[in-house]
C-alpha atoms as a PDB file:
ATOM      1  CA  MET A   1      -0.054  10.002  11.179  1.00  0.00           C
ATOM      2  CA  ASP A   2      -4.544  10.038  11.689  1.00  0.00           C
ATOM      3  CA  SER A   3      -5.037   7.182  14.339  1.00  0.00           C
ATOM      4  CA  ALA A   4      -9.013   7.970  14.188  1.00  0.00           C
ATOM      5  CA  ILE A   5     -10.843   4.318  12.785  1.00  0.00           C
ATOM      6  CA  ARG A   6     -13.438   5.307  10.194  1.00  0.00           C
ATOM      7  CA  PHE A   7     -16.981   3.838   9.764  1.00  0.00           C
ATOM      8  CA  GLY A   8     -19.028   3.203   7.252  1.00  0.00           C
ATOM      9  CA  ILE A   9     -22.942   3.213   8.775  1.00  0.00           C
ATOM     10  CA  TYR A  10     -25.713   0.795   7.271  1.00  0.00           C
ATOM     11  CA  VAL A  11     -29.086  -0.086   8.367  1.00  0.00           C
ATOM     12  CA  ASN A  12     -30.986  -2.773   6.899  1.00  0.00           C
ATOM     13  CA  ASP A  13     -34.569  -3.497   6.326  1.00  0.00           C
ATOM     14  CA  ALA A  14     -34.455  -4.735   9.938  1.00  0.00           C
ATOM     15  CA  GLY A  15     -33.136  -1.257  11.548  1.00  0.00           C
ATOM     16  CA  GLN A  16     -30.008  -3.154  12.240  1.00  0.00           C
ATOM     17  CA  VAL A  17     -27.140  -0.849  12.485  1.00  0.00           C
ATOM     18  CA  LEU A  18     -23.302  -2.358  10.930  1.00  0.00           C
ATOM     19  CA  LEU A  19     -20.664  -0.825  10.991  1.00  0.00           C
ATOM     20  CA  SER A  20     -18.075  -0.785   8.343  1.00  0.00           C
ATOM     21  CA  PRO A  21     -14.557  -0.057   8.990  1.00  0.00           C
ATOM     22  CA  GLU A  22     -13.096   2.302   6.555  1.00  0.00           C
ATOM     23  CA  VAL A  23      -9.965   2.028   4.678  1.00  0.00           C
ATOM     24  CA  SER A  24      -8.265   4.717   3.135  1.00  0.00           C
ATOM     25  CA  VAL A  25      -5.343   4.770   0.359  1.00  0.00           C
ATOM     26  CA  PRO A  26      -3.445   7.281   0.231  1.00  0.00           C
ATOM     27  CA  MET A  27      -3.358   9.167  -3.109  1.00  0.00           C
ATOM     28  CA  HIS A  28       0.092   8.503  -4.518  1.00  0.00           C
ATOM     29  CA  GLU A  29      -0.378   5.111  -3.979  1.00  0.00           C
ATOM     30  CA  LEU A  30      -3.498   4.222  -5.502  1.00  0.00           C
ATOM     31  CA  TRP A  31      -2.125   3.766  -8.953  1.00  0.00           C
ATOM     32  CA  LEU A  32      -0.366   0.425  -7.178  1.00  0.00           C
ATOM     33  CA  TYR A  33      -4.208  -0.578  -6.805  1.00  0.00           C
ATOM     34  CA  ARG A  34      -5.330   0.454  -9.918  1.00  0.00           C
ATOM     35  CA  ASN A  35      -2.401  -1.827 -11.850  1.00  0.00           C
ATOM     36  CA  PRO A  36      -3.078  -5.882 -11.055  1.00  0.00           C
ATOM     37  CA  GLU A  37       0.406  -6.666 -12.493  1.00  0.00           C
ATOM     38  CA  ALA A  38       1.989  -4.114 -10.534  1.00  0.00           C
ATOM     39  CA  LEU A  39       0.531  -5.071  -7.235  1.00  0.00           C
ATOM     40  CA  LYS A  40       1.457  -8.636  -7.894  1.00  0.00           C
ATOM     41  CA  MET A  41       5.215  -8.175  -8.233  1.00  0.00           C
ATOM     42  CA  VAL A  42       5.520  -5.339  -5.179  1.00  0.00           C
ATOM     43  CA  VAL A  43       3.472  -8.679  -3.486  1.00  0.00           C
ATOM     44  CA  LYS A  44       6.756 -11.069  -4.951  1.00  0.00           C
ATOM     45  CA  GLY A  45       8.777  -8.366  -4.418  1.00  0.00           C
ATOM     46  CA  LEU A  46       7.443  -8.332  -0.253  1.00  0.00           C
ATOM     47  CA  GLN A  47       7.505 -12.245   0.082  1.00  0.00           C
ATOM     48  CA  GLU A  48      10.909 -12.302  -1.838  1.00  0.00           C
ATOM     49  CA  ALA A  49      12.331 -10.467   1.454  1.00  0.00           C
ATOM     50  CA  ARG A  50      10.999 -12.203   4.057  1.00  0.00           C
ATOM     51  CA  GLU A  51      12.484 -14.986   2.803  1.00  0.00           C
ATOM     52  CA  GLY A  52      15.665 -13.901   3.049  1.00  0.00           C
ATOM     53  CA  LYS A  53      16.387 -13.893  -1.031  1.00  0.00           C
ATOM     54  CA  LEU A  54      18.055 -10.483  -1.560  1.00  0.00           C
ATOM     55  CA  THR A  55      20.761  -9.114  -3.727  1.00  0.00           C
ATOM     56  CA  ASP A  56      22.821  -6.090  -2.188  1.00  0.00           C
ATOM     57  CA  LEU A  57      23.557  -4.181  -5.273  1.00  0.00           C
ATOM     58  CA  GLY A  58      26.062  -2.183  -3.536  1.00  0.00           C
ATOM     59  CA  SER A  59      26.184   2.366  -2.406  1.00  0.00           C
ATOM     60  CA  PHE A  60      24.229   4.516  -4.675  1.00  0.00           C
ATOM     61  CA  LYS A  61      25.640   7.514  -3.133  1.00  0.00           C
ATOM     62  CA  LYS A  62      28.118   8.482  -7.033  1.00  0.00           C
ATOM     63  CA  TYR A  63      23.739   9.223  -7.892  1.00  0.00           C
ATOM     64  CA  ALA A  64      23.445  11.200  -4.525  1.00  0.00           C
ATOM     65  CA  ASP A  65      23.795  14.647  -6.297  1.00  0.00           C
ATOM     66  CA  ASP A  66      22.600  14.042  -9.907  1.00  0.00           C
ATOM     67  CA  ASP A  67      19.967  15.699 -11.478  1.00  0.00           C
ATOM     68  CA  MET A  68      16.630  14.531 -11.677  1.00  0.00           C
ATOM     69  CA  GLU A  69      14.885  14.329 -15.175  1.00  0.00           C
END
């Protein structure tokens, strides 16, 4: 994992320098941030998990060897 912090550097008309932390999103997660409905559902699911609102669906072991489509 890259632990380096990256900053955007901006200079205003008065010559003041502003350092703004840059946040990047991995490409495989970018679709989620571009889909407000999906992001809303993920945030809701994470909140429900924090509240202990979970459903045990049992083991999915029997599907481990299934071919992917």
